[in-house]
Amino acid sequence: MDVYGVGSKTTTNSADATRKKNDDLGKNDFLKLLTVQLRYQDPMNPMEDKEFIAQMAQFSSLEQMQNMNSSMAMSQASGLIGMQVNWLDGNAEEWTGIVQSVRLIEGQPKLIIGDMALDLSQVVSVQVPKSAAE
C-alpha cells in the first residue's frame, strides 16, 4: 500500500519476519484445569475452602490482567489511525500504508489498511504521513 492506501511494497531480508503464536495459558484453560481438578479430587481428602478461594482469586486476577491488556492494545492501535505504518507480510516483504481504522477481530485489535486487517505485531515502523508532515 502506498501512503494513500493504494499499495506499495519494499523488500527486506529480516530473519525474524515470522512470529510464533502466543503459547500462554488463557482463562479458559485455567477454568478447564480447575474443573478437572474438582472432578477428580479424592473424595476422602477434598480440596479445602482456602485452596479453592485462592485459585478463584488467581482466576479473577488473570481475567483482570487480560482485560487490561486488551484495553491497552486497543488504545495503542487506535493511536495509529491516520499514521503511515510499515509492516512485514508472511514472505518477509515490507509494505507501507495509512491506517484507516481499527477493528476488533476475534477479540484482537486489527489495523485496517485498504482491504487488509493487520495485527499490531506485524508493524515494524510508524511515521507521520508525508502529506500531514508538510
N, C-alpha and C. Protein backbone atom coordinates (compact mmCIF):
# COMPACT_ATOMS: atom_id res chain seq x y z
N MET A 1 0.84 -1.18 0.00
CA MET A 1 0.00 0.00 0.00
C MET A 1 0.88 1.24 0.00
N ASP A 2 0.48 2.24 -0.71
CA ASP A 2 1.25 3.47 -0.68
C ASP A 2 0.73 4.36 0.44
N VAL A 3 1.25 5.56 0.48
CA VAL A 3 0.91 6.48 1.55
C VAL A 3 -0.60 6.74 1.59
N TYR A 4 -1.29 6.63 0.48
CA TYR A 4 -2.71 6.90 0.43
C TYR A 4 -3.55 5.63 0.48
N GLY A 5 -2.93 4.47 0.78
CA GLY A 5 -3.66 3.24 0.94
C GLY A 5 -3.87 2.46 -0.33
N VAL A 6 -3.17 2.82 -1.41
CA VAL A 6 -3.37 2.14 -2.69
C VAL A 6 -2.48 0.91 -2.80
N GLY A 7 -1.21 0.99 -2.41
CA GLY A 7 -0.36 -0.20 -2.39
C GLY A 7 1.05 0.04 -2.85
N SER A 8 2.01 -0.15 -1.99
CA SER A 8 3.41 -0.14 -2.39
C SER A 8 4.14 -1.15 -1.54
N LYS A 9 5.20 -1.70 -2.11
CA LYS A 9 5.91 -2.77 -1.43
C LYS A 9 7.40 -2.51 -1.51
N THR A 10 8.09 -2.78 -0.41
CA THR A 10 9.54 -2.79 -0.40
C THR A 10 9.96 -4.13 0.17
N THR A 11 11.11 -4.64 -0.22
CA THR A 11 11.54 -5.94 0.26
C THR A 11 12.55 -5.77 1.38
N THR A 12 12.60 -6.77 2.25
CA THR A 12 13.55 -6.78 3.34
C THR A 12 13.98 -8.21 3.58
N ASN A 13 15.14 -8.39 4.14
CA ASN A 13 15.65 -9.72 4.41
C ASN A 13 15.64 -10.01 5.91
N SER A 14 14.63 -9.57 6.60
CA SER A 14 14.56 -9.76 8.04
C SER A 14 14.38 -11.23 8.38
N ALA A 15 15.25 -11.75 9.24
CA ALA A 15 15.19 -13.16 9.62
C ALA A 15 14.07 -13.43 10.60
N ASP A 16 13.64 -12.40 11.33
CA ASP A 16 12.60 -12.61 12.33
C ASP A 16 11.24 -12.17 11.83
N ALA A 17 10.96 -12.38 10.55
CA ALA A 17 9.70 -11.93 9.98
C ALA A 17 8.53 -12.77 10.47
N THR A 18 8.78 -14.03 10.77
CA THR A 18 7.70 -14.86 11.26
C THR A 18 7.65 -14.79 12.77
N ARG A 19 6.45 -14.73 13.29
CA ARG A 19 6.25 -14.65 14.73
C ARG A 19 5.49 -15.90 15.18
N LYS A 20 5.86 -16.39 16.36
CA LYS A 20 5.18 -17.56 16.90
C LYS A 20 3.91 -17.13 17.62
N LYS A 21 2.91 -17.98 17.53
CA LYS A 21 1.66 -17.72 18.24
C LYS A 21 1.90 -17.80 19.74
N ASN A 22 1.18 -16.98 20.49
CA ASN A 22 1.33 -16.93 21.93
C ASN A 22 0.94 -18.28 22.54
N ASP A 23 1.84 -18.89 23.32
CA ASP A 23 1.60 -20.20 23.92
C ASP A 23 1.19 -20.10 25.38
N ASP A 24 0.84 -18.93 25.88
CA ASP A 24 0.44 -18.75 27.27
C ASP A 24 -0.93 -19.36 27.51
N LEU A 25 -1.16 -19.78 28.76
CA LEU A 25 -2.47 -20.28 29.14
C LEU A 25 -3.44 -19.12 29.28
N GLY A 26 -4.65 -19.31 28.84
CA GLY A 26 -5.68 -18.29 28.97
C GLY A 26 -6.66 -18.64 30.06
N LYS A 27 -7.67 -17.79 30.22
CA LYS A 27 -8.63 -18.02 31.30
C LYS A 27 -9.46 -19.27 31.07
N ASN A 28 -9.74 -19.61 29.80
CA ASN A 28 -10.49 -20.84 29.54
C ASN A 28 -9.69 -22.07 29.95
N ASP A 29 -8.38 -22.04 29.69
CA ASP A 29 -7.52 -23.14 30.11
C ASP A 29 -7.49 -23.26 31.62
N PHE A 30 -7.44 -22.12 32.30
CA PHE A 30 -7.43 -22.11 33.76
C PHE A 30 -8.71 -22.72 34.30
N LEU A 31 -9.86 -22.35 33.73
CA LEU A 31 -11.14 -22.91 34.18
C LEU A 31 -11.22 -24.41 33.91
N LYS A 32 -10.71 -24.86 32.78
CA LYS A 32 -10.71 -26.29 32.47
C LYS A 32 -9.87 -27.06 33.49
N LEU A 33 -8.69 -26.51 33.82
CA LEU A 33 -7.84 -27.17 34.81
C LEU A 33 -8.54 -27.24 36.17
N LEU A 34 -9.17 -26.15 36.57
CA LEU A 34 -9.87 -26.12 37.85
C LEU A 34 -11.02 -27.11 37.87
N THR A 35 -11.78 -27.19 36.77
CA THR A 35 -12.89 -28.13 36.68
C THR A 35 -12.41 -29.57 36.77
N VAL A 36 -11.33 -29.88 36.05
CA VAL A 36 -10.78 -31.23 36.10
C VAL A 36 -10.27 -31.55 37.50
N GLN A 37 -9.63 -30.58 38.13
CA GLN A 37 -9.13 -30.77 39.49
C GLN A 37 -10.27 -31.08 40.45
N LEU A 38 -11.38 -30.35 40.33
CA LEU A 38 -12.53 -30.60 41.20
C LEU A 38 -13.19 -31.94 40.90
N ARG A 39 -13.27 -32.31 39.62
CA ARG A 39 -13.91 -33.55 39.22
C ARG A 39 -13.16 -34.77 39.74
N TYR A 40 -11.84 -34.71 39.71
CA TYR A 40 -11.04 -35.87 40.05
C TYR A 40 -10.37 -35.78 41.44
N GLN A 41 -10.87 -34.92 42.27
CA GLN A 41 -10.28 -34.83 43.60
C GLN A 41 -10.63 -36.08 44.42
N ASP A 42 -9.82 -36.37 45.38
CA ASP A 42 -10.01 -37.52 46.26
C ASP A 42 -11.20 -37.23 47.18
N PRO A 43 -12.26 -38.04 47.13
CA PRO A 43 -13.43 -37.77 47.98
C PRO A 43 -13.11 -37.90 49.47
N MET A 44 -12.07 -38.66 49.79
CA MET A 44 -11.69 -38.81 51.19
C MET A 44 -10.82 -37.65 51.67
N ASN A 45 -10.32 -36.87 50.72
CA ASN A 45 -9.46 -35.73 51.05
C ASN A 45 -9.79 -34.58 50.09
N PRO A 46 -11.01 -34.00 50.19
CA PRO A 46 -11.40 -32.96 49.24
C PRO A 46 -10.57 -31.68 49.40
N MET A 47 -10.61 -30.88 48.32
CA MET A 47 -9.88 -29.62 48.33
C MET A 47 -10.47 -28.72 49.42
N GLU A 48 -9.61 -28.08 50.16
CA GLU A 48 -10.06 -27.19 51.22
C GLU A 48 -10.57 -25.87 50.65
N ASP A 49 -11.44 -25.23 51.44
CA ASP A 49 -12.00 -23.94 51.02
C ASP A 49 -10.92 -22.92 50.71
N LYS A 50 -9.87 -22.89 51.53
CA LYS A 50 -8.79 -21.90 51.34
C LYS A 50 -8.14 -22.08 49.98
N GLU A 51 -7.91 -23.33 49.58
CA GLU A 51 -7.28 -23.60 48.29
C GLU A 51 -8.19 -23.15 47.15
N PHE A 52 -9.47 -23.47 47.27
CA PHE A 52 -10.43 -23.11 46.23
C PHE A 52 -10.54 -21.59 46.10
N ILE A 53 -10.61 -20.89 47.23
CA ILE A 53 -10.69 -19.42 47.21
C ILE A 53 -9.43 -18.82 46.61
N ALA A 54 -8.27 -19.38 46.93
CA ALA A 54 -7.01 -18.88 46.37
C ALA A 54 -6.98 -19.06 44.87
N GLN A 55 -7.47 -20.20 44.38
CA GLN A 55 -7.48 -20.42 42.92
C GLN A 55 -8.47 -19.50 42.23
N MET A 56 -9.61 -19.26 42.85
CA MET A 56 -10.59 -18.33 42.26
C MET A 56 -10.03 -16.91 42.23
N ALA A 57 -9.28 -16.54 43.26
CA ALA A 57 -8.65 -15.21 43.28
C ALA A 57 -7.61 -15.11 42.16
N GLN A 58 -6.87 -16.19 41.92
CA GLN A 58 -5.91 -16.20 40.81
C GLN A 58 -6.63 -16.06 39.48
N PHE A 59 -7.75 -16.76 39.34
CA PHE A 59 -8.52 -16.67 38.11
C PHE A 59 -9.03 -15.24 37.89
N SER A 60 -9.55 -14.64 38.95
CA SER A 60 -10.05 -13.27 38.85
C SER A 60 -8.93 -12.30 38.46
N SER A 61 -7.78 -12.49 39.05
CA SER A 61 -6.62 -11.64 38.73
C SER A 61 -6.20 -11.83 37.28
N LEU A 62 -6.18 -13.07 36.81
CA LEU A 62 -5.83 -13.36 35.42
C LEU A 62 -6.80 -12.69 34.47
N GLU A 63 -8.09 -12.77 34.77
CA GLU A 63 -9.10 -12.18 33.90
C GLU A 63 -8.95 -10.65 33.85
N GLN A 64 -8.68 -10.03 34.99
CA GLN A 64 -8.49 -8.58 35.03
C GLN A 64 -7.26 -8.15 34.23
N MET A 65 -6.19 -8.93 34.34
CA MET A 65 -4.98 -8.61 33.57
C MET A 65 -5.23 -8.75 32.07
N GLN A 66 -5.98 -9.77 31.66
CA GLN A 66 -6.29 -9.95 30.25
C GLN A 66 -7.17 -8.81 29.74
N ASN A 67 -8.14 -8.38 30.53
CA ASN A 67 -8.99 -7.26 30.13
C ASN A 67 -8.18 -5.98 30.00
N MET A 68 -7.26 -5.76 30.93
CA MET A 68 -6.41 -4.57 30.87
C MET A 68 -5.49 -4.63 29.65
N ASN A 69 -4.94 -5.79 29.36
CA ASN A 69 -4.08 -5.97 28.20
C ASN A 69 -4.85 -5.69 26.91
N SER A 70 -6.07 -6.20 26.83
CA SER A 70 -6.91 -5.98 25.65
C SER A 70 -7.22 -4.49 25.47
N SER A 71 -7.52 -3.82 26.57
CA SER A 71 -7.82 -2.39 26.52
C SER A 71 -6.60 -1.58 26.09
N MET A 72 -5.43 -1.95 26.60
CA MET A 72 -4.20 -1.24 26.23
C MET A 72 -3.88 -1.47 24.75
N ALA A 73 -4.07 -2.68 24.25
CA ALA A 73 -3.80 -2.97 22.84
C ALA A 73 -4.74 -2.17 21.94
N MET A 74 -6.02 -2.06 22.34
CA MET A 74 -6.98 -1.28 21.55
C MET A 74 -6.59 0.20 21.55
N SER A 75 -6.14 0.73 22.68
CA SER A 75 -5.71 2.12 22.75
C SER A 75 -4.48 2.35 21.87
N GLN A 76 -3.54 1.41 21.92
CA GLN A 76 -2.33 1.52 21.10
C GLN A 76 -2.70 1.50 19.63
N ALA A 77 -3.58 0.60 19.24
CA ALA A 77 -3.99 0.50 17.83
C ALA A 77 -4.74 1.76 17.39
N SER A 78 -5.61 2.27 18.24
CA SER A 78 -6.39 3.47 17.90
C SER A 78 -5.48 4.68 17.69
N GLY A 79 -4.39 4.73 18.41
CA GLY A 79 -3.44 5.83 18.26
C GLY A 79 -2.74 5.83 16.92
N LEU A 80 -2.84 4.74 16.17
CA LEU A 80 -2.19 4.66 14.86
C LEU A 80 -3.09 5.08 13.71
N ILE A 81 -4.36 5.38 13.99
CA ILE A 81 -5.27 5.81 12.92
C ILE A 81 -4.73 7.09 12.29
N GLY A 82 -4.63 7.09 10.98
CA GLY A 82 -4.11 8.23 10.24
C GLY A 82 -2.60 8.24 10.08
N MET A 83 -1.93 7.29 10.72
CA MET A 83 -0.46 7.22 10.64
C MET A 83 -0.04 6.29 9.50
N GLN A 84 1.15 6.55 8.97
CA GLN A 84 1.73 5.67 7.96
C GLN A 84 2.52 4.58 8.69
N VAL A 85 2.23 3.32 8.38
CA VAL A 85 2.93 2.21 9.02
C VAL A 85 3.61 1.35 7.96
N ASN A 86 4.70 0.75 8.36
CA ASN A 86 5.38 -0.26 7.55
C ASN A 86 5.19 -1.58 8.27
N TRP A 87 4.89 -2.65 7.52
CA TRP A 87 4.71 -3.95 8.13
C TRP A 87 5.30 -5.03 7.24
N LEU A 88 5.53 -6.18 7.86
CA LEU A 88 6.05 -7.33 7.14
C LEU A 88 4.92 -8.33 6.92
N ASP A 89 4.85 -8.85 5.67
CA ASP A 89 3.87 -9.90 5.41
C ASP A 89 4.51 -11.26 5.69
N GLY A 90 3.82 -12.32 5.38
CA GLY A 90 4.30 -13.67 5.65
C GLY A 90 5.54 -14.06 4.86
N ASN A 91 5.85 -13.32 3.80
CA ASN A 91 7.03 -13.60 2.97
C ASN A 91 8.19 -12.68 3.29
N ALA A 92 8.14 -12.01 4.43
CA ALA A 92 9.18 -11.07 4.88
C ALA A 92 9.32 -9.89 3.92
N GLU A 93 8.24 -9.54 3.22
CA GLU A 93 8.24 -8.36 2.36
C GLU A 93 7.63 -7.21 3.14
N GLU A 94 8.23 -6.04 3.01
CA GLU A 94 7.76 -4.87 3.75
C GLU A 94 6.79 -4.07 2.90
N TRP A 95 5.68 -3.68 3.52
CA TRP A 95 4.63 -2.90 2.88
C TRP A 95 4.42 -1.61 3.65
N THR A 96 3.83 -0.61 2.99
CA THR A 96 3.56 0.69 3.60
C THR A 96 2.12 1.09 3.32
N GLY A 97 1.46 1.69 4.31
CA GLY A 97 0.11 2.18 4.10
C GLY A 97 -0.34 3.05 5.25
N ILE A 98 -1.48 3.70 5.06
CA ILE A 98 -2.07 4.57 6.08
C ILE A 98 -3.16 3.80 6.82
N VAL A 99 -3.11 3.82 8.15
CA VAL A 99 -4.12 3.15 8.95
C VAL A 99 -5.41 3.95 8.86
N GLN A 100 -6.46 3.30 8.35
CA GLN A 100 -7.75 3.97 8.17
C GLN A 100 -8.66 3.81 9.37
N SER A 101 -8.59 2.65 10.01
CA SER A 101 -9.43 2.40 11.18
C SER A 101 -8.88 1.21 11.95
N VAL A 102 -9.53 0.91 13.06
CA VAL A 102 -9.17 -0.24 13.88
C VAL A 102 -10.44 -1.04 14.10
N ARG A 103 -10.31 -2.36 14.01
CA ARG A 103 -11.47 -3.23 14.20
C ARG A 103 -11.08 -4.39 15.11
N LEU A 104 -11.98 -4.79 16.00
CA LEU A 104 -11.76 -5.97 16.83
C LEU A 104 -12.15 -7.19 16.02
N ILE A 105 -11.20 -8.09 15.80
CA ILE A 105 -11.44 -9.34 15.09
C ILE A 105 -10.97 -10.46 16.00
N GLU A 106 -11.89 -11.34 16.37
CA GLU A 106 -11.61 -12.44 17.30
C GLU A 106 -10.98 -11.93 18.59
N GLY A 107 -11.48 -10.78 19.06
CA GLY A 107 -11.02 -10.23 20.32
C GLY A 107 -9.69 -9.49 20.27
N GLN A 108 -9.10 -9.39 19.11
CA GLN A 108 -7.81 -8.72 18.96
C GLN A 108 -7.97 -7.48 18.06
N PRO A 109 -7.35 -6.35 18.43
CA PRO A 109 -7.44 -5.17 17.57
C PRO A 109 -6.61 -5.36 16.30
N LYS A 110 -7.21 -5.05 15.17
CA LYS A 110 -6.54 -5.15 13.88
C LYS A 110 -6.54 -3.78 13.22
N LEU A 111 -5.41 -3.41 12.61
CA LEU A 111 -5.31 -2.17 11.87
C LEU A 111 -5.89 -2.39 10.48
N ILE A 112 -6.80 -1.53 10.06
CA ILE A 112 -7.42 -1.66 8.75
C ILE A 112 -6.73 -0.70 7.78
N ILE A 113 -6.14 -1.29 6.75
CA ILE A 113 -5.46 -0.52 5.70
C ILE A 113 -5.98 -1.05 4.37
N GLY A 114 -6.78 -0.23 3.70
CA GLY A 114 -7.43 -0.70 2.48
C GLY A 114 -8.36 -1.85 2.82
N ASP A 115 -8.16 -3.00 2.18
CA ASP A 115 -8.98 -4.17 2.48
C ASP A 115 -8.23 -5.19 3.34
N MET A 116 -7.12 -4.76 3.94
CA MET A 116 -6.32 -5.64 4.79
C MET A 116 -6.56 -5.35 6.27
N ALA A 117 -6.45 -6.40 7.08
CA ALA A 117 -6.52 -6.27 8.53
C ALA A 117 -5.20 -6.79 9.09
N LEU A 118 -4.41 -5.88 9.67
CA LEU A 118 -3.09 -6.22 10.18
C LEU A 118 -3.08 -6.39 11.68
N ASP A 119 -2.28 -7.32 12.15
CA ASP A 119 -2.03 -7.47 13.57
C ASP A 119 -0.97 -6.45 13.98
N LEU A 120 -1.07 -5.94 15.19
CA LEU A 120 -0.07 -4.96 15.67
C LEU A 120 1.34 -5.52 15.62
N SER A 121 1.49 -6.83 15.81
CA SER A 121 2.81 -7.44 15.84
C SER A 121 3.50 -7.41 14.48
N GLN A 122 2.76 -7.16 13.40
CA GLN A 122 3.35 -7.10 12.06
C GLN A 122 4.01 -5.74 11.78
N VAL A 123 3.64 -4.72 12.54
CA VAL A 123 4.13 -3.36 12.28
C VAL A 123 5.59 -3.26 12.69
N VAL A 124 6.42 -2.72 11.76
CA VAL A 124 7.84 -2.56 12.05
C VAL A 124 8.23 -1.10 12.23
N SER A 125 7.43 -0.17 11.71
CA SER A 125 7.71 1.25 11.92
C SER A 125 6.45 2.08 11.70
N VAL A 126 6.44 3.26 12.30
CA VAL A 126 5.31 4.18 12.22
C VAL A 126 5.87 5.57 11.94
N GLN A 127 5.25 6.28 10.98
CA GLN A 127 5.64 7.65 10.67
C GLN A 127 4.40 8.51 10.48
N VAL A 128 4.58 9.81 10.64
CA VAL A 128 3.54 10.76 10.26
C VAL A 128 3.52 10.77 8.75
N PRO A 129 2.33 10.66 8.12
CA PRO A 129 2.26 10.66 6.65
C PRO A 129 2.89 11.92 6.06
N LYS A 130 3.51 11.77 4.91
CA LYS A 130 4.18 12.90 4.27
C LYS A 130 3.24 14.06 4.02
N SER A 131 2.00 13.81 3.65
CA SER A 131 1.06 14.90 3.40
C SER A 131 0.74 15.66 4.68
N ALA A 132 0.72 14.98 5.82
CA ALA A 132 0.43 15.65 7.10
C ALA A 132 1.65 16.33 7.67
N ALA A 133 2.85 15.86 7.31
CA ALA A 133 4.09 16.43 7.84
C ALA A 133 4.46 17.73 7.14
N GLU A 134 3.95 17.96 5.96
CA GLU A 134 4.33 19.16 5.19
C GLU A 134 3.61 20.38 5.66
